């Protein structure tokens, strides 16, 4: 079996999962699972999220009618990350955003045919193992807080204090792009923070963008799925590998799009085309 070199192997075996933490949509959230040891089969996961350039190639080759929007770091202090009308070439190496889960699955089908391997989105458990390894790391790199000066930040929602702080104070240390207010924050190109790497070699699994999984946020809500990783416009607390969220519990995942949500691919070698 030939796996593209853009994927990294996560071997079969046990890893530490949890304890699950959730900060929003708590009324719909099931009871959090405790820290525990889980077993997973071998899988391969993309080292990076899908980028703007890769998404554009997909659109060009398939003619897929995407109902999302292009975004670019072209704004000013009032809104730095701005919607634009056409593909912004300077964003080629940034993670694509504004894609629904259904959009992501369509990309998976296209890419599967290109490489001759079944690609899909990771489960919550696969994503978490790929991000933290087997020893239960809090962050992909270990235990160091991504932005120590922002430990005071409210978990959800953030308020004007975060907006004003982001306008005035630059990060002392930024191991993950996170903690910014959504009006004056921007994402980073993939791999821009070399320390933000998991034990298996996955980049940017803390912060920058939320990533879709196939796991349900609540078994009683079959249209809403877990996203992992936090994003540039969410708090520093959301970058912990065991934090889970749902982008929405009003707009189904198949239709939900936002400027902070993207995806990466996974290959399960036991599943054929």
Protein backbone atom coordinates (compact mmCIF):
# COMPACT_ATOMS: atom_id res chain seq x y z
CA UNK A 1 0.00 0.00 0.00
CA UNK A 2 1.40 3.39 -1.02
CA UNK A 3 0.61 6.28 1.31
CA UNK A 4 1.41 9.87 0.21
CA UNK A 5 4.38 11.34 2.03
CA UNK A 6 2.13 14.17 3.23
CA UNK A 7 0.63 11.67 5.72
CA UNK A 8 2.19 10.41 8.94
CA UNK A 9 1.66 7.01 10.53
CA UNK A 10 -0.04 6.62 13.89
CA UNK A 11 0.60 3.02 14.97
CA UNK A 12 -1.99 0.76 16.54
CA UNK A 13 -2.10 0.67 20.30
CA UNK A 14 -3.16 2.42 23.46
CA UNK A 15 -3.19 6.12 24.21
CA UNK A 16 -4.50 8.38 26.95
CA UNK A 17 -7.77 10.08 26.03
CA UNK A 18 -9.42 12.94 27.91
CA UNK A 19 -10.54 14.11 30.35
CA UNK A 20 -13.04 15.77 28.02
CA UNK A 21 -13.51 19.51 28.56
CA UNK A 22 -16.22 21.60 26.93
CA UNK A 23 -16.77 25.34 27.38
CA UNK A 24 -19.76 26.15 25.18
CA UNK A 25 -23.11 24.65 24.11
CA UNK A 26 -23.19 22.99 27.49
CA UNK A 27 -26.94 22.34 27.46
CA UNK A 28 -26.48 19.96 24.54
CA UNK A 29 -23.20 18.48 25.74
CA UNK A 30 -23.29 14.92 27.14
CA UNK A 31 -21.54 14.16 30.45
CA UNK A 32 -17.79 14.48 29.88
CA UNK A 33 -15.80 11.28 29.65
CA UNK A 34 -12.96 10.95 32.18
CA UNK A 35 -9.29 10.51 31.41
CA UNK A 36 -8.91 6.92 30.24
CA UNK A 37 -6.83 4.58 28.10
CA UNK A 38 -8.23 3.68 24.68
CA UNK A 39 -7.02 1.34 21.96
CA UNK A 40 -7.05 2.32 18.29
CA UNK A 41 -6.08 0.54 15.09
CA UNK A 42 -3.29 1.93 12.94
CA UNK A 43 -4.15 4.94 10.80
CA UNK A 44 -2.40 7.59 8.74
CA UNK A 45 -3.22 11.27 9.11
CA UNK A 46 -2.27 14.31 7.06
CA UNK A 47 0.59 16.24 8.61
CA UNK A 48 -1.21 19.50 7.84
CA UNK A 49 -4.75 20.72 7.27
CA UNK A 50 -5.90 21.12 3.68
CA UNK A 51 -4.61 24.43 2.34
CA UNK A 52 -6.08 27.17 0.17
CA UNK A 53 -4.01 25.97 -2.79
CA UNK A 54 -5.13 22.37 -2.39
CA UNK A 55 -8.74 23.49 -2.08
CA UNK A 56 -8.47 25.62 -5.23
CA UNK A 57 -7.01 22.66 -7.15
CA UNK A 58 -9.99 20.59 -6.03
CA UNK A 59 -12.44 23.28 -7.15
CA UNK A 60 -10.70 23.74 -10.48
CA UNK A 61 -10.57 20.01 -11.26
CA UNK A 62 -14.10 19.13 -10.17
CA UNK A 63 -16.18 22.24 -10.74
CA UNK A 64 -17.60 21.73 -7.27
CA UNK A 65 -20.05 24.48 -6.34
CA UNK A 66 -18.66 25.72 -3.03
CA UNK A 67 -21.01 27.94 -1.05
CA UNK A 68 -18.27 29.19 1.23
CA UNK A 69 -16.07 32.25 0.82
CA UNK A 70 -12.42 33.09 0.42
CA UNK A 71 -10.81 34.96 3.31
CA UNK A 72 -7.56 36.92 3.38
CA UNK A 73 -5.42 38.90 5.80
CA UNK A 74 -6.22 42.16 4.01
CA UNK A 75 -8.23 44.08 6.55
CA UNK A 76 -7.31 46.78 9.04
CA UNK A 77 -7.48 47.11 12.82
CA UNK A 78 -11.29 46.90 12.70
CA UNK A 79 -11.25 43.48 11.03
CA UNK A 80 -7.95 42.02 9.92
CA UNK A 81 -9.23 38.74 8.41
CA UNK A 82 -11.54 39.80 5.63
CA UNK A 83 -13.85 38.09 3.14
CA UNK A 84 -12.67 38.57 -0.47
CA UNK A 85 -14.34 37.92 -3.81
CA UNK A 86 -11.70 35.80 -5.52
CA UNK A 87 -8.97 33.33 -4.62
CA UNK A 88 -6.20 35.21 -2.76
CA UNK A 89 -2.88 33.74 -4.00
CA UNK A 90 -0.96 35.07 -1.01
CA UNK A 91 -3.01 32.69 1.15
CA UNK A 92 -1.96 29.56 -0.77
CA UNK A 93 -0.17 28.00 2.23
CA UNK A 94 -2.84 28.85 4.80
CA UNK A 95 -5.41 26.30 6.00
CA UNK A 96 -8.64 26.49 4.05
CA UNK A 97 -11.65 27.65 6.07
CA UNK A 98 -15.36 28.26 5.53
CA UNK A 99 -15.90 24.62 4.54
CA UNK A 100 -18.78 22.57 5.85
CA UNK A 101 -18.39 18.97 6.88
CA UNK A 102 -20.19 17.98 3.67
CA UNK A 103 -17.71 20.07 1.64
CA UNK A 104 -14.87 18.27 3.40
CA UNK A 105 -16.33 14.85 2.63
CA UNK A 106 -16.60 15.77 -1.05
CA UNK A 107 -12.92 16.70 -1.03
CA UNK A 108 -12.17 13.37 0.66
CA UNK A 109 -13.92 11.48 -2.17
CA UNK A 110 -11.98 13.40 -4.83
CA UNK A 111 -8.63 12.91 -3.10
CA UNK A 112 -9.34 9.22 -2.49
CA UNK A 113 -9.66 8.67 -6.25
CA UNK A 114 -6.46 10.63 -6.92
CA UNK A 115 -4.31 8.50 -4.60
CA UNK A 116 -6.16 5.18 -4.78
CA UNK A 117 -6.71 5.07 -1.02
CA UNK A 118 -9.86 5.65 1.02
CA UNK A 119 -9.57 9.06 2.72
CA UNK A 120 -12.01 10.51 5.19
CA UNK A 121 -12.09 12.76 8.25
CA UNK A 122 -10.68 11.51 11.55
CA UNK A 123 -12.78 10.44 14.47
CA UNK A 124 -12.43 12.50 17.63
CA UNK A 125 -10.30 9.73 19.14
CA UNK A 126 -8.02 9.48 16.10
CA UNK A 127 -7.57 13.23 16.03
CA UNK A 128 -6.72 13.34 19.72
CA UNK A 129 -4.18 10.51 19.55
CA UNK A 130 -2.50 12.13 16.54
CA UNK A 131 -2.33 15.43 18.43
CA UNK A 132 -1.06 14.28 21.84
CA UNK A 133 0.64 10.92 21.36
CA UNK A 134 0.32 8.07 23.84
CA UNK A 135 1.38 9.80 27.07
CA UNK A 136 -1.55 12.19 27.44
CA UNK A 137 0.10 15.50 26.56
CA UNK A 138 -2.01 18.59 27.18
CA UNK A 139 -0.69 20.21 24.00
CA UNK A 140 1.01 18.66 20.98
CA UNK A 141 4.41 19.91 22.18
CA UNK A 142 3.94 19.01 25.86
CA UNK A 143 2.76 20.99 28.87
CA UNK A 144 4.00 24.54 28.22
CA UNK A 145 1.13 27.02 28.06
CA UNK A 146 0.79 28.41 24.52
CA UNK A 147 0.46 32.05 25.63
CA UNK A 148 1.30 32.44 29.33
CA UNK A 149 0.20 36.08 29.50
CA UNK A 150 -3.36 35.06 28.54
CA UNK A 151 -4.09 32.57 31.29
CA UNK A 152 -6.61 35.13 32.60
CA UNK A 153 -8.67 34.91 29.41
CA UNK A 154 -12.29 33.85 29.90
CA UNK A 155 -13.10 30.44 28.45
CA UNK A 156 -16.26 31.41 26.58
CA UNK A 157 -17.34 33.83 25.34
CA UNK A 158 -14.52 36.33 25.26
CA UNK A 159 -15.43 40.00 25.58
CA UNK A 160 -14.12 43.48 24.85
CA UNK A 161 -11.21 42.92 27.22
CA UNK A 162 -9.73 40.43 24.74
CA UNK A 163 -10.35 42.78 21.81
CA UNK A 164 -8.60 45.68 23.52
CA UNK A 165 -5.76 43.50 24.77
CA UNK A 166 -5.15 42.11 21.27
CA UNK A 167 -5.03 45.61 19.83
CA UNK A 168 -2.35 46.77 22.22
CA UNK A 169 -0.27 43.85 23.51
CA UNK A 170 1.78 41.55 21.29
CA UNK A 171 2.32 37.94 22.42
CA UNK A 172 5.40 37.27 24.54
CA UNK A 173 5.35 33.64 23.43
CA UNK A 174 2.97 32.03 20.97
CA UNK A 175 3.29 28.27 20.69
CA UNK A 176 -0.13 28.22 19.00
CA UNK A 177 -2.08 30.86 17.13
CA UNK A 178 -4.89 31.40 19.61
CA UNK A 179 -6.40 33.82 22.08
CA UNK A 180 -7.14 36.57 19.57
CA UNK A 181 -10.43 38.37 19.27
CA UNK A 182 -12.16 37.39 16.03
CA UNK A 183 -12.12 40.97 14.69
CA UNK A 184 -8.41 41.63 15.02
CA UNK A 185 -6.94 38.14 14.82
CA UNK A 186 -5.72 36.22 11.78
CA UNK A 187 -4.57 32.64 11.16
CA UNK A 188 -1.00 31.72 10.23
CA UNK A 189 0.43 29.72 7.31
CA UNK A 190 0.74 26.02 8.03
CA UNK A 191 3.91 25.16 9.95
CA UNK A 192 4.58 28.79 10.89
CA UNK A 193 5.21 27.80 14.52
CA UNK A 194 7.70 24.89 14.40
CA UNK A 195 7.14 24.04 18.07
CA UNK A 196 3.48 23.29 17.31
CA UNK A 197 4.11 19.70 16.25
CA UNK A 198 2.73 16.47 17.65
CA UNK A 199 4.75 13.37 18.60
CA UNK A 200 3.86 11.86 15.21
CA UNK A 201 4.79 14.94 13.18
CA UNK A 202 1.39 16.59 12.76
CA UNK A 203 1.55 20.38 12.50
CA UNK A 204 -0.84 22.97 13.90
CA UNK A 205 -3.13 20.71 15.90
CA UNK A 206 -3.41 23.40 18.58
CA UNK A 207 -4.94 26.67 17.47
CA UNK A 208 -5.02 28.26 14.02
CA UNK A 209 -8.27 26.54 12.93
CA UNK A 210 -10.91 24.17 14.22
CA UNK A 211 -10.88 20.82 12.41
CA UNK A 212 -13.87 18.65 11.55
CA UNK A 213 -14.20 15.10 12.85
CA UNK A 214 -16.78 12.40 12.15
CA UNK A 215 -17.74 12.04 15.83
CA UNK A 216 -21.09 13.23 17.13
CA UNK A 217 -21.13 16.03 19.68
CA UNK A 218 -24.01 14.26 21.37
CA UNK A 219 -25.38 10.83 20.36
CA UNK A 220 -28.87 12.30 20.60
CA UNK A 221 -28.02 15.05 18.09
CA UNK A 222 -27.20 13.17 14.88
CA UNK A 223 -26.57 16.27 12.73
CA UNK A 224 -23.89 17.94 14.84
CA UNK A 225 -20.26 16.88 15.05
CA UNK A 226 -17.18 17.51 17.14
CA UNK A 227 -14.50 19.94 16.06
CA UNK A 228 -11.07 19.90 17.66
CA UNK A 229 -8.03 22.10 18.06
CA UNK A 230 -9.35 25.56 18.83
CA UNK A 231 -8.62 28.43 16.47
CA UNK A 232 -6.99 31.83 16.17
CA UNK A 233 -10.29 33.46 17.19
CA UNK A 234 -10.94 31.27 20.23
CA UNK A 235 -9.32 31.28 23.64
CA UNK A 236 -6.00 29.83 24.71
CA UNK A 237 -7.96 27.25 26.73
CA UNK A 238 -9.47 25.70 23.60
CA UNK A 239 -6.04 24.58 22.34
CA UNK A 240 -5.82 21.76 24.87
CA UNK A 241 -5.92 18.46 23.00
CA UNK A 242 -8.79 17.09 25.09
CA UNK A 243 -11.14 20.06 24.61
CA UNK A 244 -14.13 19.29 22.38
CA UNK A 245 -16.61 21.62 20.78
CA UNK A 246 -19.37 21.69 18.21
CA UNK A 247 -19.32 24.54 15.72
CA UNK A 248 -23.09 24.77 16.08
CA UNK A 249 -26.09 22.90 17.45
CA UNK A 250 -28.52 24.91 15.33
CA UNK A 251 -26.94 24.68 11.87
CA UNK A 252 -26.14 21.05 10.94
CA UNK A 253 -22.49 20.20 10.33
CA UNK A 254 -23.28 19.39 6.70
CA UNK A 255 -24.18 23.05 6.17
CA UNK A 256 -22.14 24.95 8.75
CA UNK A 257 -19.26 27.11 7.49
CA UNK A 258 -17.10 29.62 9.37
CA UNK A 259 -13.87 31.55 8.90
CA UNK A 260 -12.17 29.49 11.60
CA UNK A 261 -13.10 25.94 10.58
CA UNK A 262 -11.26 23.59 8.21
CA UNK A 263 -10.13 19.96 8.09
CA UNK A 264 -7.39 17.41 7.59
CA UNK A 265 -7.57 13.92 6.11
CA UNK A 266 -7.08 10.46 7.52
CA UNK A 267 -6.45 7.09 5.84
CA UNK A 268 -7.58 3.90 7.54
CA UNK A 269 -5.45 1.24 5.81
CA UNK A 270 -7.96 -1.55 6.46
CA UNK A 271 -10.68 0.29 4.53
CA UNK A 272 -10.52 -0.11 0.76
CA UNK A 273 -11.91 2.09 -1.98
